[in-house]
Amino acid sequence: MGKIEVVLSKIKVDENRNEQIIVFKEKEGSRFLPVVIGIAEVNAIKLKLSGINPPRPLTHDLLLSSIQSLGASLKYILIDKLENNTFYAKLILARNGEEVIVDARPSDSVALALRADAAIFVAEDVLNKASLS
């Protein structure tokens, strides 16, 4: 399975449908991938992008700290599946020279990737199926 690196392009709020959408753009291309996420996750993403550091760790900060305390690091995230209009993702961790793969929601994965400065990838077949030009 091929994977394509993307970057977070923008965050949109659709007032009519009461949805929050994160939009990824191919790093070396012109396609966009919109993903609907929850309000808590969009707030966590916006908080990190704004550079605000809360006085106590929030959930995604806690998770990253836990991963690091266990001797692992977040290599990258992979949005690897689209099924019934639902995206699925994996956290790809490195620990003791091995990869550890953890199932996760794309929204939580992105919030974590931003905190860890980790790359974001989308499976090529998912991008081919769901992207916009």
Protein backbone atom coordinates (compact mmCIF):
# COMPACT_ATOMS: atom_id res chain seq x y z
CA MET A 1 0.00 0.00 0.00
CA GLY A 2 1.41 3.36 -1.04
CA LYS A 3 1.15 6.37 1.18
CA ILE A 4 1.18 10.06 0.35
CA GLU A 5 2.30 12.80 2.71
CA VAL A 6 -0.21 15.56 3.40
CA VAL A 7 -0.23 18.73 5.45
CA LEU A 8 -3.04 20.34 7.37
CA SER A 9 -4.26 23.04 5.02
CA LYS A 10 -7.20 24.57 6.85
CA ILE A 11 -9.96 24.10 9.38
CA LYS A 12 -13.50 24.90 8.31
CA VAL A 13 -16.67 25.16 10.33
CA ASP A 14 -19.83 24.44 8.38
CA GLU A 15 -22.49 26.34 10.31
CA ASN A 16 -25.34 24.94 8.20
CA ARG A 17 -24.47 21.32 8.90
CA ASN A 18 -22.91 21.93 12.34
CA GLU A 19 -19.70 20.17 11.29
CA GLN A 20 -16.01 20.87 11.78
CA ILE A 21 -13.82 19.88 8.85
CA ILE A 22 -10.05 19.61 8.66
CA VAL A 23 -8.69 19.82 5.14
CA PHE A 24 -5.42 18.17 4.18
CA LYS A 25 -3.43 19.02 1.06
CA GLU A 26 -0.99 16.75 -0.70
CA LYS A 27 2.51 17.93 0.18
CA GLU A 28 3.74 17.28 -3.39
CA GLY A 29 0.45 17.60 -5.26
CA SER A 30 -2.77 19.48 -5.69
CA ARG A 31 -5.41 17.24 -4.16
CA PHE A 32 -7.29 18.06 -0.95
CA LEU A 33 -8.85 15.67 1.54
CA PRO A 34 -11.64 16.96 3.80
CA VAL A 35 -12.31 15.02 7.02
CA VAL A 36 -15.19 15.77 9.39
CA ILE A 37 -14.12 15.75 13.05
CA GLY A 38 -15.63 16.48 16.44
CA ILE A 39 -15.62 19.81 18.24
CA ALA A 40 -13.29 18.66 21.04
CA GLU A 41 -10.66 17.51 18.55
CA VAL A 42 -10.91 20.65 16.42
CA ASN A 43 -10.41 22.70 19.57
CA ALA A 44 -7.33 20.64 20.52
CA ILE A 45 -5.91 21.17 17.03
CA LYS A 46 -6.64 24.90 17.06
CA LEU A 47 -5.10 25.26 20.53
CA LYS A 48 -1.84 23.71 19.33
CA LEU A 49 -1.79 25.75 16.10
CA SER A 50 -2.34 28.96 18.07
CA GLY A 51 0.75 28.27 20.18
CA ILE A 52 -1.14 28.42 23.47
CA ASN A 53 0.30 26.16 26.16
CA PRO A 54 -2.26 25.31 28.82
CA PRO A 55 -1.03 25.27 32.44
CA ARG A 56 -1.88 21.56 32.76
CA PRO A 57 -1.58 18.90 30.03
CA LEU A 58 -4.68 18.24 27.97
CA THR A 59 -5.55 14.74 26.71
CA HIS A 60 -3.36 14.81 23.59
CA ASP A 61 -0.45 16.32 25.54
CA LEU A 62 -0.87 13.58 28.14
CA LEU A 63 -0.87 10.86 25.48
CA LEU A 64 2.30 12.21 23.87
CA SER A 65 4.00 12.45 27.25
CA SER A 66 2.95 8.87 28.03
CA ILE A 67 4.32 7.59 24.71
CA GLN A 68 7.63 9.35 25.34
CA SER A 69 7.81 8.19 28.97
CA LEU A 70 7.49 4.61 27.74
CA GLY A 71 10.54 5.07 25.52
CA ALA A 72 8.70 5.45 22.24
CA SER A 73 8.21 8.25 19.72
CA LEU A 74 5.52 9.02 17.18
CA LYS A 75 7.10 8.49 13.74
CA TYR A 76 4.01 9.42 11.72
CA ILE A 77 0.29 8.92 11.43
CA LEU A 78 -1.45 7.15 8.58
CA ILE A 79 -5.06 7.65 7.53
CA ASP A 80 -5.37 4.17 6.09
CA LYS A 81 -9.00 3.34 5.45
CA LEU A 82 -12.34 4.83 4.41
CA GLU A 83 -15.38 2.72 5.10
CA ASN A 84 -19.02 3.86 5.12
CA ASN A 85 -17.88 7.53 5.03
CA THR A 86 -15.73 6.99 8.13
CA PHE A 87 -11.96 7.48 8.04
CA TYR A 88 -9.64 5.25 10.07
CA ALA A 89 -6.07 5.95 11.12
CA LYS A 90 -3.02 4.42 12.73
CA LEU A 91 -0.32 5.86 14.97
CA ILE A 92 3.07 4.54 13.87
CA LEU A 93 5.33 4.54 16.92
CA ALA A 94 9.02 3.70 17.14
CA ARG A 95 10.31 1.88 20.22
CA ASN A 96 13.62 0.03 20.60
CA GLY A 97 14.13 -0.05 16.83
CA GLU A 98 10.70 -1.58 16.19
CA GLU A 99 7.46 -0.15 14.85
CA VAL A 100 4.39 -0.31 17.02
CA ILE A 101 1.07 0.33 15.28
CA VAL A 102 -1.87 1.68 17.29
CA ASP A 103 -5.42 2.07 15.97
CA ALA A 104 -6.73 5.63 16.38
CA ARG A 105 -9.24 8.11 15.06
CA PRO A 106 -7.88 10.53 12.46
CA SER A 107 -8.84 13.56 14.54
CA ASP A 108 -6.95 12.38 17.62
CA SER A 109 -4.06 11.29 15.41
CA VAL A 110 -3.74 14.75 13.87
CA ALA A 111 -3.89 16.48 17.26
CA LEU A 112 -1.11 14.16 18.44
CA ALA A 113 0.98 14.53 15.25
CA LEU A 114 0.94 18.31 15.57
CA ARG A 115 2.22 18.05 19.13
CA ALA A 116 4.98 15.59 18.15
CA ASP A 117 5.94 17.36 14.90
CA ALA A 118 5.22 14.06 13.14
CA ALA A 119 4.35 13.62 9.48
CA ILE A 120 0.81 12.89 8.31
CA PHE A 121 0.24 10.34 5.54
CA VAL A 122 -2.85 9.12 3.72
CA ALA A 123 -3.06 5.73 2.03
CA GLU A 124 -2.97 6.23 -1.73
CA ASP A 125 -6.24 4.35 -2.30
CA VAL A 126 -8.01 6.50 0.32
CA LEU A 127 -6.72 9.69 -1.28
CA ASN A 128 -7.73 8.45 -4.73
CA LYS A 129 -11.23 7.67 -3.46
CA ALA A 130 -11.99 10.72 -1.30
CA SER A 131 -9.86 13.64 -2.44
CA LEU A 132 -10.96 16.81 -4.22
CA SER A 133 -8.94 18.69 -6.82
